[in-house]
Protein backbone atom coordinates (compact mmCIF):
# COMPACT_ATOMS: atom_id res chain seq x y z
CA MET A 1 -9.71 -26.79 -13.87
CA TYR A 2 -6.49 -25.81 -16.31
CA ILE A 3 -7.87 -21.90 -17.36
CA HIS A 4 -7.52 -19.79 -15.20
CA ALA A 5 -8.43 -15.78 -15.09
CA GLN A 6 -6.10 -13.01 -15.26
CA THR A 7 -6.97 -11.39 -12.48
CA PRO A 8 -6.07 -7.84 -11.91
CA PRO A 9 -3.54 -7.21 -9.09
CA LEU A 10 -5.32 -5.48 -6.11
CA ALA A 11 -3.82 -3.47 -2.79
CA THR A 12 -1.84 -6.05 -0.87
CA ALA A 13 0.04 -5.14 3.24
CA LEU A 14 3.07 -4.22 1.25
CA PRO A 15 3.25 -0.69 0.37
CA GLY A 16 2.77 -0.32 -3.13
CA ILE A 17 2.42 -3.53 -4.32
CA ALA A 18 -0.54 -4.66 -6.01
CA HIS A 19 -0.40 -8.85 -6.73
CA SER A 20 -2.38 -11.37 -8.05
CA THR A 21 -1.20 -15.12 -7.88
CA TRP A 22 -2.27 -16.45 -11.60
CA ALA A 23 -1.05 -19.82 -10.90
CA GLY A 24 0.36 -21.51 -8.58
CA GLN A 25 -0.52 -24.13 -5.82
CA ALA A 26 -4.09 -23.50 -5.77
CA GLN A 27 -4.39 -23.98 -8.84
CA GLY A 28 -2.60 -27.84 -8.45
CA LEU A 29 1.10 -27.05 -9.08
CA THR A 30 4.41 -28.22 -7.24
CA GLN A 31 7.56 -26.09 -9.45
CA LEU A 32 6.16 -23.31 -10.39
CA THR A 33 4.19 -20.02 -9.57
CA LEU A 34 2.77 -17.07 -11.61
CA TRP A 35 2.19 -13.71 -10.44
CA ARG A 36 1.57 -10.56 -11.45
CA GLN A 37 2.49 -7.25 -9.58
CA SER A 38 1.94 -3.66 -10.47
CA VAL A 39 4.40 -1.80 -7.97
CA ALA A 40 3.70 2.54 -7.50
CA PRO A 41 6.88 4.72 -8.59
CA GLY A 42 8.78 4.90 -6.06
CA GLY A 43 7.57 1.65 -4.70
CA ALA A 44 9.55 -1.42 -3.44
CA THR A 45 9.79 -5.32 -2.90
CA PRO A 46 11.37 -5.81 0.82
CA PRO A 47 15.16 -7.12 0.00
CA HIS A 48 14.51 -11.06 0.04
CA ARG A 49 15.30 -14.73 -1.51
CA HIS A 50 13.40 -17.61 -2.60
CA ASP A 51 14.80 -20.84 -2.21
CA CYS A 52 14.29 -21.13 -6.40
CA GLU A 53 14.73 -19.48 -9.70
CA GLU A 54 12.54 -16.37 -10.86
CA ILE A 55 11.87 -14.90 -13.74
CA VAL A 56 10.47 -11.18 -14.06
CA ILE A 57 9.27 -9.61 -17.13
CA CYS A 58 8.43 -6.30 -16.88
CA LEU A 59 5.72 -5.02 -18.93
CA ALA A 60 5.83 -1.13 -18.31
CA GLY A 61 7.93 1.18 -16.48
CA SER A 62 11.16 1.08 -15.89
CA GLY A 63 12.82 -0.35 -12.42
CA GLU A 64 16.20 -1.23 -10.97
CA LEU A 65 17.00 -4.56 -9.52
CA HIS A 66 19.38 -4.64 -6.97
CA ILE A 67 21.32 -7.47 -6.31
CA ALA A 68 24.94 -9.13 -5.45
CA GLY A 69 26.08 -5.52 -4.03
CA GLU A 70 25.06 -4.29 -7.87
CA VAL A 71 22.20 -1.69 -9.64
CA HIS A 72 20.62 -3.02 -12.73
CA ARG A 73 18.43 -0.67 -14.34
CA PHE A 74 15.68 -2.17 -16.82
CA ALA A 75 12.62 -0.93 -18.41
CA ALA A 76 9.41 -2.62 -20.27
CA GLY A 77 10.43 -5.04 -22.69
CA GLU A 78 13.19 -6.59 -20.49
CA THR A 79 13.66 -9.72 -18.32
CA ILE A 80 15.15 -9.60 -15.28
CA ALA A 81 16.92 -13.57 -14.72
CA VAL A 82 17.64 -14.00 -10.74
CA PRO A 83 19.35 -17.29 -9.16
CA ARG A 84 18.35 -19.17 -6.77
CA ASP A 85 19.37 -17.79 -3.32
CA ALA A 86 20.30 -14.55 -4.51
CA LEU A 87 19.51 -11.39 -2.25
CA HIS A 88 17.73 -9.05 -4.22
CA GLN A 89 15.26 -5.93 -4.15
CA ILE A 90 13.35 -4.31 -6.88
CA PHE A 91 12.47 -0.50 -6.84
CA SER A 92 9.51 1.32 -9.56
CA THR A 93 11.94 4.36 -10.71
CA GLY A 94 9.41 5.67 -12.70
CA GLU A 95 7.10 8.02 -13.22
CA GLU A 96 3.96 5.62 -13.76
CA PRO A 97 3.74 2.34 -12.41
CA MET A 98 5.80 -1.11 -12.73
CA GLU A 99 3.57 -3.82 -14.49
CA ILE A 100 5.43 -7.26 -13.56
CA ILE A 101 4.97 -10.60 -14.29
CA ALA A 102 7.11 -13.05 -12.00
CA VAL A 103 7.61 -16.83 -12.69
CA LEU A 104 8.93 -18.86 -9.89
CA ALA A 105 10.23 -22.32 -9.91
CA ALA A 106 8.43 -23.48 -6.62
CA ALA A 107 5.42 -24.24 -5.55
CA PRO A 108 4.40 -22.86 -3.15
CA VAL A 109 6.95 -19.37 -2.88
CA ALA A 110 8.96 -19.54 0.21
CA VAL A 111 10.25 -16.09 0.54
CA TYR A 112 13.09 -14.93 3.29
CA LEU A 113 14.51 -11.56 4.66
CA PRO A 114 17.93 -11.09 5.27
CA ASP A 115 17.97 -12.47 8.14
CA ASP A 116 16.82 -16.00 6.87
CA GLN A 117 13.55 -14.80 8.81
CA ARG A 118 11.08 -15.88 6.69
CA LEU A 119 8.71 -13.54 4.74
CA ASP A 120 4.60 -14.48 4.97
CA LEU A 121 3.57 -13.37 2.03
CA PRO A 122 -0.35 -11.32 2.04
CA TRP A 123 -0.87 -13.40 -0.64
CA PRO A 124 -1.22 -17.22 -1.56
CA ALA A 125 2.29 -18.48 -2.21
């Protein structure tokens, strides 16, 4: 199948993060994964890294990218480029949920915590 529904993000075991995998390994991809996420105000991803490049597109709300000891603010209409293996964390800083799309150059996506322990995602990788 080539056409897939864009299902809305659903609550996950990660506090404040709703997620939907729109395309990835389950759809036959081997080099790309597409996620849609909603992050509640004050919510954040855990600090993590991927063994692939990542693009994050902010559709609504605002946030901060913490990477390489720096803080970068962003808002709807802006795109984040995260290099492979860069430890990073994304925070939702506005008064409304931050709505993002993430494109990752791997399927499945491996996520690692700062101590290099693999994080088992509560959704299809």
